[in-house]
Amino acid sequence: MMKPMAQQTILITGSTDGLGKQTALALAKQGATVLLHGRNRQRLEKTLREIQDTTGNRHLETYLADLAELAEVRSLAKRVQMQHPQLDMLINNAGVGSGKLLGGRRELSRDGYELRFAVNYLAPFLLTHLLLSSLRHSPPARIIHVGSVGQLPIDFDNIMGERRYNGYDAYRRSKLALVMFTIDLADLLKGEHVTVNCVHPASLMNTKMVRETIPFSQATVEDGLRSVMYLATSPMLDNVTGQYFDQQQEARAHPQAYDMAARSRLRQISEQLTGLAGKKASQVG
């Protein structure tokens, strides 16, 4: 059974704008200790003040890190662990959109990886592994990945999109990778009372990330918020893990997500790229 929200400590990546900010606000209203993450200090401090003023909750902290650099992901995990050896929930929300729908140049992270794969997938892959000890400290705990219904199979021979690059395809591949990680991690954590699920919050929400790609929206941030809050707070999901949700319904992801060989290959590549190769799960975090 999950703890009362007022007793929980929750890290939300990408919480200075859009869905992440509204999720932080909603959880702060329920009394949670909310760890706000962003890559711009001014926006972080502004978000902190706004949520404090709105909710009266003073159990808020800010963490600055650019998830486009794996060294900063490691630094973020270290700072969170030093302050909070026990973490009740991790919401991997931060992401990079597809850019311009037609065209758009290929961008690289500071580590030289394709940017969408790096930020939308490799960063949460590494951050989650590094924080496992805090999440395991006092179960039950929940890990929530904010994914997308837009999914495209991973081309393992072109994983960095060096050929025939398309930003929308790169985005969709990064989001399928996140679902594959969800299923893989749930298997790793089986029996440990740490659940991990992935959610498509809503289609084309009226967020900055969506507007950069498509000049219209089909849903609101509030629609997406209801989906994320369901995964974060519903007692019905106490023992549900390794699932992909389309809003508040369990759904089927792209078939590649259920291909064990593909997941194993992705995991091995990810461990190599993030420096986790050769480490046992007990050594991580």
Protein backbone atom coordinates (compact mmCIF):
# COMPACT_ATOMS: atom_id res chain seq x y z
CA MET A 1 0.00 0.00 0.00
CA MET A 2 1.38 3.39 -0.98
CA LYS A 3 2.16 5.95 1.69
CA PRO A 4 0.06 9.10 2.19
CA MET A 5 1.22 11.74 -0.28
CA ALA A 6 2.33 14.06 2.54
CA GLN A 7 4.92 11.44 3.51
CA GLN A 8 6.34 11.01 0.02
CA THR A 9 9.42 12.52 -1.62
CA ILE A 10 9.07 12.81 -5.38
CA LEU A 11 11.52 13.85 -8.10
CA ILE A 12 10.01 15.21 -11.32
CA THR A 13 12.35 15.91 -14.21
CA GLY A 14 11.46 18.79 -16.51
CA SER A 15 9.21 20.45 -13.95
CA THR A 16 9.55 24.12 -14.89
CA ASP A 17 7.05 24.06 -17.75
CA GLY A 18 4.05 22.27 -19.19
CA LEU A 19 3.03 18.88 -17.87
CA GLY A 20 5.95 18.58 -15.45
CA LYS A 21 5.15 21.89 -13.79
CA GLN A 22 1.46 21.07 -13.44
CA THR A 23 2.31 17.65 -12.00
CA ALA A 24 4.64 19.27 -9.46
CA LEU A 25 1.91 21.73 -8.50
CA ALA A 26 -0.71 18.99 -8.10
CA LEU A 27 1.54 16.82 -5.94
CA ALA A 28 2.66 19.80 -3.84
CA LYS A 29 -1.02 20.59 -3.19
CA GLN A 30 -1.30 17.12 -1.67
CA GLY A 31 1.61 17.85 0.67
CA ALA A 32 4.38 15.86 -1.00
CA THR A 33 8.03 16.86 -0.80
CA VAL A 34 8.63 17.74 -4.44
CA LEU A 35 12.08 17.89 -6.00
CA LEU A 36 11.90 20.22 -8.98
CA HIS A 37 14.32 19.71 -11.84
CA GLY A 38 15.13 22.04 -14.71
CA ARG A 39 18.03 23.25 -16.84
CA ASN A 40 17.48 26.98 -16.30
CA ARG A 41 18.08 28.37 -12.81
CA GLN A 42 15.82 31.40 -13.23
CA ARG A 43 12.89 29.27 -14.37
CA LEU A 44 13.53 26.82 -11.54
CA GLU A 45 13.44 29.53 -8.89
CA LYS A 46 10.35 31.11 -10.47
CA THR A 47 8.57 27.76 -10.48
CA LEU A 48 9.55 27.16 -6.86
CA ARG A 49 8.09 30.51 -5.78
CA GLU A 50 4.91 30.03 -7.80
CA ILE A 51 4.19 26.59 -6.36
CA GLN A 52 5.03 27.71 -2.82
CA ASP A 53 2.76 30.74 -3.14
CA THR A 54 -0.08 28.69 -4.61
CA THR A 55 0.08 25.71 -2.26
CA GLY A 56 1.76 26.97 0.90
CA ASN A 57 3.97 23.88 0.67
CA ARG A 58 7.52 24.67 1.79
CA HIS A 59 8.81 21.13 1.18
CA LEU A 60 10.14 21.98 -2.26
CA GLU A 61 13.69 21.84 -3.58
CA THR A 62 15.34 22.71 -6.89
CA TYR A 63 17.90 20.71 -8.86
CA LEU A 64 19.69 22.19 -11.86
CA ALA A 65 20.93 19.83 -14.59
CA ASP A 66 21.03 19.63 -18.36
CA LEU A 67 19.98 16.09 -19.25
CA ALA A 68 21.67 16.42 -22.64
CA GLU A 69 24.93 15.66 -20.83
CA LEU A 70 25.32 12.34 -19.01
CA ALA A 71 27.84 13.82 -16.56
CA GLU A 72 25.09 16.20 -15.40
CA VAL A 73 22.66 13.28 -15.08
CA ARG A 74 25.18 11.59 -12.77
CA SER A 75 25.63 14.80 -10.80
CA LEU A 76 21.86 15.19 -10.44
CA ALA A 77 21.50 11.64 -9.13
CA LYS A 78 24.34 12.16 -6.65
CA ARG A 79 22.85 15.38 -5.28
CA VAL A 80 19.40 13.83 -4.92
CA GLN A 81 20.83 10.80 -3.12
CA MET A 82 22.86 12.95 -0.74
CA GLN A 83 19.77 14.92 0.26
CA HIS A 84 17.28 12.05 0.02
CA PRO A 85 18.61 8.54 0.59
CA GLN A 86 14.93 7.55 0.41
CA LEU A 87 12.90 8.44 -2.68
CA ASP A 88 9.27 7.40 -3.04
CA MET A 89 8.63 8.33 -6.64
CA LEU A 90 10.54 9.25 -9.77
CA ILE A 91 8.66 10.83 -12.66
CA ASN A 92 10.81 10.93 -15.79
CA ASN A 93 9.00 13.70 -17.62
CA ALA A 94 11.74 15.82 -19.22
CA GLY A 95 12.01 15.48 -22.96
CA VAL A 96 12.88 17.00 -26.29
CA GLY A 97 10.19 17.21 -28.97
CA SER A 98 10.57 16.24 -32.59
CA GLY A 99 11.45 19.75 -33.72
CA LYS A 100 10.03 20.92 -37.03
CA LEU A 101 7.75 18.24 -38.39
CA LEU A 102 9.03 18.65 -41.93
CA GLY A 103 12.79 18.89 -42.09
CA GLY A 104 14.85 19.86 -39.08
CA ARG A 105 18.50 19.10 -38.75
CA ARG A 106 20.02 16.29 -36.75
CA GLU A 107 21.21 17.52 -33.35
CA LEU A 108 23.68 15.95 -30.97
CA SER A 109 23.92 15.86 -27.20
CA ARG A 110 27.11 17.03 -25.49
CA ASP A 111 28.24 13.41 -25.48
CA GLY A 112 27.85 13.21 -29.25
CA TYR A 113 24.65 11.12 -29.23
CA GLU A 114 21.52 11.90 -31.25
CA LEU A 115 19.75 14.46 -29.08
CA ARG A 116 16.28 12.92 -28.81
CA PHE A 117 17.63 9.46 -28.05
CA ALA A 118 19.98 11.03 -25.47
CA VAL A 119 17.48 13.21 -23.59
CA ASN A 120 14.27 11.22 -23.97
CA TYR A 121 15.78 7.82 -23.33
CA LEU A 122 19.44 7.60 -22.26
CA ALA A 123 19.06 10.27 -19.55
CA PRO A 124 16.10 8.57 -17.80
CA PHE A 125 17.77 5.18 -18.30
CA LEU A 126 20.87 6.37 -16.45
CA LEU A 127 19.10 8.52 -13.86
CA THR A 128 16.69 5.75 -12.90
CA HIS A 129 19.46 3.18 -12.49
CA LEU A 130 21.51 5.58 -10.38
CA LEU A 131 18.53 6.31 -8.10
CA LEU A 132 17.46 2.69 -7.62
CA SER A 133 19.05 2.46 -4.17
CA SER A 134 16.99 5.45 -2.98
CA LEU A 135 13.82 4.03 -4.54
CA ARG A 136 14.46 0.63 -2.97
CA HIS A 137 15.18 2.12 0.45
CA SER A 138 11.65 2.19 1.81
CA PRO A 139 9.16 0.47 -0.49
CA PRO A 140 6.67 0.75 -2.00
CA ALA A 141 7.95 3.19 -4.61
CA ARG A 142 6.83 4.14 -8.10
CA ILE A 143 8.71 5.00 -11.28
CA ILE A 144 6.70 6.72 -14.01
CA HIS A 145 8.00 7.32 -17.52
CA VAL A 146 6.16 9.92 -19.58
CA GLY A 147 6.05 8.34 -23.01
CA SER A 148 4.07 8.80 -26.20
CA VAL A 149 1.64 6.92 -28.38
CA GLY A 150 3.95 7.90 -31.23
CA GLN A 151 6.35 4.93 -31.43
CA LEU A 152 8.61 3.66 -34.18
CA PRO A 153 10.78 0.52 -34.12
CA ILE A 154 14.44 1.05 -33.34
CA ASP A 155 16.84 0.55 -36.23
CA PHE A 156 19.83 -0.92 -34.41
CA ASP A 157 22.04 -0.37 -37.46
CA ASN A 158 21.23 3.35 -37.43
CA ILE A 159 20.52 4.00 -33.76
CA MET A 160 21.99 7.52 -33.83
CA GLY A 161 20.09 8.51 -36.96
CA GLU A 162 23.18 9.20 -39.01
CA ARG A 163 21.36 8.18 -42.20
CA ARG A 164 17.99 9.43 -43.48
CA TYR A 165 17.47 11.59 -40.39
CA ASN A 166 13.98 12.74 -39.48
CA GLY A 167 13.32 14.43 -36.14
CA TYR A 168 9.82 13.03 -35.78
CA ASP A 169 11.05 9.48 -36.38
CA ALA A 170 13.91 10.03 -33.91
CA TYR A 171 11.41 11.24 -31.31
CA ARG A 172 9.15 8.22 -31.82
CA ARG A 173 12.07 5.80 -31.58
CA SER A 174 13.21 7.40 -28.32
CA LYS A 175 9.72 6.99 -26.88
CA LEU A 176 9.52 3.33 -27.86
CA ALA A 177 12.92 2.83 -26.22
CA LEU A 178 11.38 4.22 -23.02
CA VAL A 179 8.59 1.63 -23.15
CA MET A 180 11.14 -1.13 -23.72
CA PHE A 181 13.09 0.11 -20.70
CA THR A 182 9.87 0.11 -18.66
CA ILE A 183 9.25 -3.57 -19.35
CA ASP A 184 12.89 -4.49 -18.79
CA LEU A 185 13.16 -2.61 -15.51
CA ALA A 186 9.92 -4.10 -14.19
CA ASP A 187 11.46 -7.55 -14.68
CA LEU A 188 14.62 -6.45 -12.86
CA LEU A 189 12.62 -5.10 -9.91
CA LYS A 190 10.18 -7.98 -9.66
CA GLY A 191 9.29 -8.71 -6.05
CA GLU A 192 10.93 -5.52 -4.73
CA HIS A 193 7.73 -3.43 -4.41
CA VAL A 194 9.08 -0.81 -6.80
CA THR A 195 6.72 -0.48 -9.76
CA VAL A 196 7.57 1.05 -13.12
CA ASN A 197 5.06 2.06 -15.78
CA CYS A 198 5.02 4.24 -18.89
CA VAL A 199 2.19 6.57 -19.86
CA HIS A 200 1.10 8.42 -22.97
CA PRO A 201 -0.54 11.35 -21.15
CA ALA A 202 -2.59 12.85 -24.00
CA SER A 203 -2.26 13.55 -27.70
CA LEU A 204 -0.86 16.90 -28.86
CA MET A 205 -1.24 18.81 -25.60
CA ASN A 206 -1.07 22.61 -25.70
CA THR A 207 2.53 22.68 -24.48
CA LYS A 208 5.57 24.56 -25.72
CA MET A 209 7.18 21.31 -26.90
CA VAL A 210 4.17 20.43 -29.07
CA ARG A 211 3.75 23.96 -30.43
CA GLU A 212 7.33 23.88 -31.70
CA THR A 213 6.30 21.02 -33.97
CA ILE A 214 2.60 21.44 -34.72
CA PRO A 215 0.72 24.78 -34.53
CA PHE A 216 -2.46 23.25 -33.11
CA SER A 217 -3.40 21.02 -30.20
CA GLN A 218 -5.92 18.26 -29.56
CA ALA A 219 -5.71 18.15 -25.78
CA THR A 220 -4.84 20.30 -22.79
CA VAL A 221 -2.12 19.95 -20.19
CA GLU A 222 -4.93 19.20 -17.73
CA ASP A 223 -5.84 16.12 -19.80
CA GLY A 224 -2.25 14.90 -19.54
CA LEU A 225 -2.10 15.76 -15.86
CA ARG A 226 -5.04 13.48 -15.10
CA SER A 227 -3.17 10.60 -16.73
CA VAL A 228 0.07 11.16 -14.84
CA MET A 229 -1.72 11.70 -11.54
CA TYR A 230 -3.60 8.45 -12.03
CA LEU A 231 -0.31 6.57 -12.30
CA ALA A 232 1.16 8.54 -9.39
CA THR A 233 -1.70 8.27 -6.90
CA SER A 234 -4.16 5.49 -7.75
CA PRO A 235 -4.20 2.70 -5.14
CA MET A 236 -5.47 0.43 -7.93
CA LEU A 237 -1.95 0.45 -9.36
CA ASP A 238 -0.13 -0.64 -6.19
CA ASN A 239 0.93 -3.91 -7.81
CA VAL A 240 0.76 -2.97 -11.49
CA THR A 241 4.18 -2.83 -13.14
CA GLY A 242 5.82 -3.11 -16.55
CA GLN A 243 2.79 -1.67 -18.32
CA TYR A 244 2.20 0.93 -21.01
CA PHE A 245 -0.80 3.19 -20.46
CA ASP A 246 -2.63 5.21 -23.09
CA GLN A 247 -3.89 7.91 -20.74
CA GLN A 248 -5.61 5.98 -17.93
CA GLN A 249 -6.02 2.67 -19.75
CA GLU A 250 -3.55 -0.18 -20.04
CA ALA A 251 -2.70 -0.52 -23.72
CA ARG A 252 -0.40 -2.30 -26.14
CA ALA A 253 2.75 -0.53 -27.20
CA HIS A 254 4.52 -1.14 -30.51
CA PRO A 255 5.24 -4.89 -30.97
CA GLN A 256 9.00 -4.34 -30.72
CA ALA A 257 8.52 -3.45 -27.04
CA TYR A 258 7.59 -7.09 -26.36
CA ASP A 259 10.52 -8.55 -28.31
CA MET A 260 12.87 -9.87 -25.64
CA ALA A 261 15.85 -10.01 -28.00
CA ALA A 262 15.33 -6.39 -29.06
CA ARG A 263 15.04 -5.27 -25.43
CA SER A 264 18.21 -7.16 -24.52
CA ARG A 265 20.09 -5.57 -27.41
CA LEU A 266 18.85 -2.10 -26.46
CA ARG A 267 19.82 -2.67 -22.83
CA GLN A 268 23.36 -3.71 -23.76
CA ILE A 269 23.82 -0.69 -26.03
CA SER A 270 22.40 1.62 -23.35
CA GLU A 271 24.69 0.24 -20.66
CA GLN A 272 27.68 0.80 -22.93
CA LEU A 273 26.66 4.35 -23.85
CA THR A 274 25.96 5.37 -20.23
CA GLY A 275 28.94 3.65 -18.63
CA LEU A 276 26.85 1.10 -16.73
CA ALA A 277 28.16 -1.92 -18.64
CA GLY A 278 29.49 -4.67 -16.43
CA LYS A 279 27.82 -3.39 -13.27
CA LYS A 280 25.30 -5.52 -11.44
CA ALA A 281 22.00 -3.98 -10.41
CA SER A 282 23.12 -4.14 -6.78
CA GLN A 283 26.15 -2.01 -7.62
CA VAL A 284 24.15 0.74 -9.28
CA GLY A 285 22.69 3.66 -7.39
